[in-house]
């Protein structure tokens, strides 16, 4: 069975398993005991509650290979079971067979498994890559901050440390001064936003702030967004309001004259060169700022060695 064989072979194997299956256990659900899907689900719930209360109880293992009953080919029952699985187990179920894969690939099931550990209210949007759902760790989430004049990475680290601690009823502001960046180190913000230096803040309209306190996500709403500056897809939370459709960082900033001008100005300050040189290295690196600076550094080292 599985996605490697033909559908006819899969049906034949299933029929063979049914014909060879014999059991006298009253707790095992088989095709012979004529249970309907609702009874099957009640049975699974009873077994789940009993195993969770008894540490010595044997765990029930359900798969088409060792359990031949109608629930395993009923889409509604499979959906009800899969909705209770964590992300790693949901990924495993998708590898069992075509039917299980089709049910486990449903967007609502993925979203429910993604939200469950953090008690999120809703996740809005669809990811570019299906692998997004496979990682629902805390590093997958970020806070969106709209940049204003005077913002620096260090000031944002302090601001959001205090603000988030207030939201979870803590008192971070009473911490010692040398622990001011304990929650959100400057390097963590730079790493999340793909920034090599402080100058990168001048070419952006927003920064992504890491989330370190799970309590902040409770009953929250996240938006799945691909940040072209950070070059990553994250679940973004807005502490005030919602996403601004006009944010160029959510689009291709290099396609706009204003965004391109800010990028050039930032690179000019960082590389200490003229506009033409910056545009040249941006062109050979396909707009990748990190690659442009890397190519410039290589050429600069070569010139110094040649002289």
Protein backbone atom coordinates (compact mmCIF):
# COMPACT_ATOMS: atom_id res chain seq x y z
CA UNK A 1 0.00 0.00 0.00
CA UNK A 2 1.10 3.62 0.19
CA UNK A 3 1.81 6.19 -2.41
CA UNK A 4 4.47 4.06 -4.12
CA UNK A 5 2.13 1.40 -5.48
CA UNK A 6 -0.90 1.40 -7.72
CA UNK A 7 -4.37 2.01 -6.34
CA UNK A 8 -5.57 -1.47 -7.36
CA UNK A 9 -2.70 -3.08 -5.47
CA UNK A 10 -3.60 -1.02 -2.41
CA UNK A 11 -7.21 -2.27 -2.49
CA UNK A 12 -6.09 -5.89 -2.94
CA UNK A 13 -3.74 -5.68 0.03
CA UNK A 14 -6.48 -4.17 2.18
CA UNK A 15 -8.92 -6.95 1.19
CA UNK A 16 -6.30 -9.57 1.96
CA UNK A 17 -5.71 -8.11 5.39
CA UNK A 18 -9.43 -8.14 6.09
CA UNK A 19 -9.85 -11.75 5.04
CA UNK A 20 -6.89 -12.91 7.12
CA UNK A 21 -7.84 -10.93 10.20
CA UNK A 22 -9.35 -12.94 13.06
CA UNK A 23 -9.79 -11.74 16.63
CA UNK A 24 -12.00 -12.65 19.57
CA UNK A 25 -11.24 -9.50 21.60
CA UNK A 26 -14.33 -7.51 22.47
CA UNK A 27 -12.37 -4.24 22.52
CA UNK A 28 -10.95 -4.53 19.03
CA UNK A 29 -12.95 -2.81 16.32
CA UNK A 30 -13.25 -5.00 13.23
CA UNK A 31 -15.38 -5.08 10.16
CA UNK A 32 -17.12 -8.14 11.58
CA UNK A 33 -18.45 -6.41 14.71
CA UNK A 34 -20.43 -3.93 12.54
CA UNK A 35 -19.63 -0.83 14.58
CA UNK A 36 -20.66 2.43 12.99
CA UNK A 37 -18.28 5.44 12.80
CA UNK A 38 -19.79 7.15 15.86
CA UNK A 39 -19.25 4.03 17.98
CA UNK A 40 -15.70 3.79 16.68
CA UNK A 41 -14.94 7.35 17.72
CA UNK A 42 -16.45 6.76 21.18
CA UNK A 43 -14.26 3.68 21.55
CA UNK A 44 -11.12 5.62 20.66
CA UNK A 45 -12.00 8.37 23.12
CA UNK A 46 -12.55 5.83 25.92
CA UNK A 47 -9.23 4.14 25.22
CA UNK A 48 -7.46 7.49 25.06
CA UNK A 49 -8.83 8.60 28.44
CA UNK A 50 -8.07 5.26 30.08
CA UNK A 51 -4.46 5.18 28.88
CA UNK A 52 -3.89 8.76 30.00
CA UNK A 53 -5.06 7.99 33.57
CA UNK A 54 -3.29 4.64 33.93
CA UNK A 55 0.48 4.88 33.60
CA UNK A 56 0.86 1.12 33.24
CA UNK A 57 -1.81 0.77 30.57
CA UNK A 58 -0.75 -0.36 27.11
CA UNK A 59 -0.96 2.27 24.41
CA UNK A 60 -3.22 1.55 21.49
CA UNK A 61 -1.49 1.64 18.10
CA UNK A 62 -3.77 2.20 15.14
CA UNK A 63 -2.77 1.72 11.52
CA UNK A 64 -4.17 0.01 8.42
CA UNK A 65 -1.61 -2.78 8.88
CA UNK A 66 -2.58 -3.90 12.38
CA UNK A 67 -6.20 -2.74 12.72
CA UNK A 68 -8.76 -3.65 10.12
CA UNK A 69 -11.92 -1.72 10.84
CA UNK A 70 -14.10 0.70 8.96
CA UNK A 71 -12.92 3.82 10.80
CA UNK A 72 -9.58 3.72 9.00
CA UNK A 73 -11.27 4.26 5.65
CA UNK A 74 -13.83 6.78 6.87
CA UNK A 75 -12.72 10.33 6.07
CA UNK A 76 -14.79 11.93 8.83
CA UNK A 77 -13.36 9.65 11.50
CA UNK A 78 -9.80 10.13 10.23
CA UNK A 79 -10.27 13.88 10.27
CA UNK A 80 -11.55 13.75 13.86
CA UNK A 81 -8.53 11.69 14.90
CA UNK A 82 -5.94 13.74 13.02
CA UNK A 83 -7.24 16.99 14.52
CA UNK A 84 -6.01 15.75 17.90
CA UNK A 85 -2.48 14.95 16.75
CA UNK A 86 0.57 17.18 17.28
CA UNK A 87 2.57 18.41 14.29
CA UNK A 88 5.20 15.58 14.25
CA UNK A 89 2.56 12.83 14.39
CA UNK A 90 0.47 14.57 11.75
CA UNK A 91 3.47 14.52 9.41
CA UNK A 92 3.87 10.78 10.00
CA UNK A 93 0.25 10.02 9.19
CA UNK A 94 0.68 11.65 5.78
CA UNK A 95 3.19 8.92 4.90
CA UNK A 96 0.87 5.96 5.53
CA UNK A 97 -1.26 5.87 2.38
CA UNK A 98 -3.01 8.06 -0.18
CA UNK A 99 -6.21 8.35 1.83
CA UNK A 100 -4.44 9.34 5.03
CA UNK A 101 -2.25 11.78 3.11
CA UNK A 102 -5.25 13.50 1.55
CA UNK A 103 -6.91 13.96 4.95
CA UNK A 104 -3.72 14.95 6.78
CA UNK A 105 -2.90 17.54 4.09
CA UNK A 106 -6.03 19.55 4.80
CA UNK A 107 -5.29 23.18 5.67
CA UNK A 108 -7.68 23.28 8.63
CA UNK A 109 -6.05 20.26 10.25
CA UNK A 110 -2.58 21.76 9.81
CA UNK A 111 -3.73 25.09 11.25
CA UNK A 112 -5.33 23.41 14.27
CA UNK A 113 -2.15 21.46 15.05
CA UNK A 114 -0.10 24.63 14.55
CA UNK A 115 -2.26 26.67 16.95
CA UNK A 116 -2.87 24.09 19.65
CA UNK A 117 0.39 24.26 21.69
CA UNK A 118 0.22 28.05 21.98
CA UNK A 119 -3.59 28.40 22.35
CA UNK A 120 -3.77 30.76 19.40
CA UNK A 121 -7.14 32.13 18.41
CA UNK A 122 -6.52 32.10 14.66
CA UNK A 123 -3.85 31.81 11.97
CA UNK A 124 -4.66 33.85 8.86
CA UNK A 125 -3.10 33.26 5.47
CA UNK A 126 -1.58 30.37 3.57
CA UNK A 127 2.15 29.65 3.55
CA UNK A 128 4.18 29.59 0.35
CA UNK A 129 5.75 26.28 1.35
CA UNK A 130 3.92 23.38 2.94
CA UNK A 131 6.90 22.81 5.23
CA UNK A 132 5.87 25.93 7.16
CA UNK A 133 3.35 23.90 9.18
CA UNK A 134 5.98 21.34 10.26
CA UNK A 135 7.70 23.77 12.61
CA UNK A 136 5.46 25.43 15.19
CA UNK A 137 8.22 26.24 17.65
CA UNK A 138 8.39 29.67 19.26
CA UNK A 139 11.00 30.86 16.76
CA UNK A 140 8.38 30.62 14.02
CA UNK A 141 6.54 33.63 15.51
CA UNK A 142 7.46 37.31 15.41
CA UNK A 143 6.04 40.72 16.31
CA UNK A 144 5.75 43.35 13.59
CA UNK A 145 7.04 46.82 14.46
CA UNK A 146 6.48 49.74 12.09
CA UNK A 147 9.68 51.80 12.10
CA UNK A 148 9.56 55.51 12.90
CA UNK A 149 12.23 58.19 13.06
CA UNK A 150 14.61 57.64 15.95
CA UNK A 151 14.17 53.86 16.19
CA UNK A 152 17.30 51.78 16.74
CA UNK A 153 17.75 48.05 17.21
CA UNK A 154 18.89 48.59 20.80
CA UNK A 155 15.94 50.83 21.67
CA UNK A 156 13.49 48.31 20.21
CA UNK A 157 15.09 45.52 22.24
CA UNK A 158 14.43 47.47 25.43
CA UNK A 159 10.97 48.65 24.36
CA UNK A 160 9.58 45.23 23.53
CA UNK A 161 11.19 43.57 26.53
CA UNK A 162 9.31 45.94 28.86
CA UNK A 163 6.10 45.91 26.81
CA UNK A 164 5.85 42.15 26.57
CA UNK A 165 6.67 41.65 30.22
CA UNK A 166 3.86 44.06 31.11
CA UNK A 167 1.46 42.06 28.95
CA UNK A 168 2.20 38.87 30.90
CA UNK A 169 1.96 40.63 34.28
CA UNK A 170 5.67 40.56 35.05
CA UNK A 171 8.01 43.30 36.19
CA UNK A 172 10.95 43.30 33.85
CA UNK A 173 11.56 47.02 34.41
CA UNK A 174 12.86 46.20 37.90
CA UNK A 175 15.60 43.97 36.52
CA UNK A 176 19.23 44.94 36.89
CA UNK A 177 20.57 47.25 34.13
CA UNK A 178 23.08 44.67 32.94
CA UNK A 179 20.18 42.35 32.10
CA UNK A 180 18.36 44.90 29.97
CA UNK A 181 18.73 42.81 26.81
CA UNK A 182 18.19 39.42 28.40
CA UNK A 183 14.92 38.72 26.59
CA UNK A 184 15.66 40.22 23.20
CA UNK A 185 19.40 40.55 22.52
CA UNK A 186 20.27 42.92 19.71
CA UNK A 187 21.88 40.08 17.77
CA UNK A 188 18.64 38.06 17.85
CA UNK A 189 16.75 40.93 16.22
CA UNK A 190 19.46 41.35 13.59
CA UNK A 191 19.51 37.63 12.87
CA UNK A 192 15.74 37.39 12.52
CA UNK A 193 15.68 40.35 10.11
CA UNK A 194 18.73 39.24 8.10
CA UNK A 195 20.65 42.40 9.06
CA UNK A 196 24.43 42.55 8.97
CA UNK A 197 24.72 45.96 10.61
CA UNK A 198 22.69 48.75 12.20
CA UNK A 199 22.53 50.51 8.82
CA UNK A 200 20.03 47.93 7.60
CA UNK A 201 17.29 49.61 9.60
CA UNK A 202 17.30 52.65 7.27
CA UNK A 203 16.20 50.65 4.23
CA UNK A 204 13.17 49.04 5.88
CA UNK A 205 9.71 50.04 6.93
CA UNK A 206 9.37 47.48 9.69
CA UNK A 207 11.35 45.07 11.83
CA UNK A 208 10.40 41.63 13.08
CA UNK A 209 10.82 41.21 16.84
CA UNK A 210 11.34 37.70 18.27
CA UNK A 211 8.72 36.30 20.63
CA UNK A 212 10.20 34.83 23.80
CA UNK A 213 7.12 34.56 26.03
CA UNK A 214 4.49 31.96 25.01
CA UNK A 215 1.90 33.80 27.09
CA UNK A 216 1.87 36.55 24.47
CA UNK A 217 0.40 34.15 21.90
CA UNK A 218 -2.59 33.05 24.00
CA UNK A 219 -5.85 34.03 22.25
CA UNK A 220 -3.82 35.95 19.69
CA UNK A 221 -4.14 36.16 15.91
CA UNK A 222 -1.14 35.59 13.67
CA UNK A 223 -0.72 36.34 9.98
CA UNK A 224 1.44 34.12 7.80
CA UNK A 225 3.72 36.47 5.87
CA UNK A 226 6.89 36.23 3.83
CA UNK A 227 9.17 39.14 4.67
CA UNK A 228 11.36 39.84 1.65
CA UNK A 229 13.90 41.76 3.72
CA UNK A 230 14.26 39.03 6.34
CA UNK A 231 13.97 36.39 3.59
CA UNK A 232 11.86 34.14 5.77
CA UNK A 233 8.23 33.14 6.27
CA UNK A 234 6.91 33.71 9.77
CA UNK A 235 3.68 33.91 11.74
CA UNK A 236 3.48 37.64 12.46
CA UNK A 237 1.59 39.11 15.40
CA UNK A 238 0.46 42.74 15.48
CA UNK A 239 0.17 44.14 18.99
CA UNK A 240 -1.76 47.13 17.67
CA UNK A 241 -4.21 46.71 14.79
CA UNK A 242 -3.53 44.44 11.85
CA UNK A 243 -1.24 44.19 8.84
CA UNK A 244 -0.84 47.24 6.62
CA UNK A 245 -1.32 46.25 3.00
CA UNK A 246 0.87 49.15 1.93
CA UNK A 247 3.96 47.86 3.70
CA UNK A 248 6.52 47.42 0.95
CA UNK A 249 8.46 44.94 3.05
CA UNK A 250 5.64 42.47 2.43
CA UNK A 251 6.07 42.93 -1.30
CA UNK A 252 9.12 43.08 -3.54
CA UNK A 253 10.78 46.22 -2.29
CA UNK A 254 13.37 46.22 -5.04
CA UNK A 255 10.66 46.82 -7.63
CA UNK A 256 9.82 50.26 -6.20
CA UNK A 257 11.94 53.35 -6.73
CA UNK A 258 11.60 54.50 -3.14
CA UNK A 259 12.64 51.17 -1.68
CA UNK A 260 15.56 50.84 -4.08
CA UNK A 261 16.79 54.33 -3.25
CA UNK A 262 16.78 53.59 0.48
CA UNK A 263 18.69 50.36 -0.11
CA UNK A 264 21.32 52.17 -2.19
CA UNK A 265 21.72 54.87 0.46
CA UNK A 266 22.17 52.26 3.16
CA UNK A 267 24.78 50.33 1.16
CA UNK A 268 26.62 53.55 0.33
CA UNK A 269 27.08 54.25 4.03
CA UNK A 270 28.08 50.68 4.76
CA UNK A 271 30.46 50.16 1.81
CA UNK A 272 31.61 53.81 1.60
CA UNK A 273 31.32 53.92 -2.19
CA UNK A 274 29.31 55.84 -4.80
CA UNK A 275 25.88 55.05 -6.28
CA UNK A 276 27.26 53.41 -9.40
CA UNK A 277 29.37 50.94 -7.45
CA UNK A 278 26.43 50.01 -5.23
CA UNK A 279 24.13 49.47 -8.22
CA UNK A 280 26.77 47.29 -9.91
CA UNK A 281 27.12 44.93 -6.95
CA UNK A 282 23.35 44.81 -6.48
CA UNK A 283 22.94 43.82 -10.13
CA UNK A 284 25.46 40.96 -10.00
CA UNK A 285 23.92 39.66 -6.76
CA UNK A 286 20.30 39.82 -8.00
CA UNK A 287 19.35 42.30 -5.29
CA UNK A 288 20.71 40.21 -2.41
CA UNK A 289 22.28 42.70 0.01
CA UNK A 290 24.38 40.12 1.82
CA UNK A 291 25.76 38.74 -1.46
CA UNK A 292 26.46 42.26 -2.75
CA UNK A 293 28.53 43.15 0.32
CA UNK A 294 30.32 39.79 0.13
CA UNK A 295 31.28 40.33 -3.52
CA UNK A 296 32.45 43.86 -2.74
CA UNK A 297 34.63 42.57 0.11
CA UNK A 298 36.20 39.94 -2.14
CA UNK A 299 37.07 42.50 -4.80
CA UNK A 300 38.44 44.86 -2.18
CA UNK A 301 40.72 42.17 -0.76
CA UNK A 302 41.91 41.28 -4.26
CA UNK A 303 42.78 44.91 -5.00
CA UNK A 304 44.74 45.22 -1.77
CA UNK A 305 46.68 42.04 -2.50
CA UNK A 306 47.40 43.18 -6.06
CA UNK A 307 48.86 46.47 -4.85
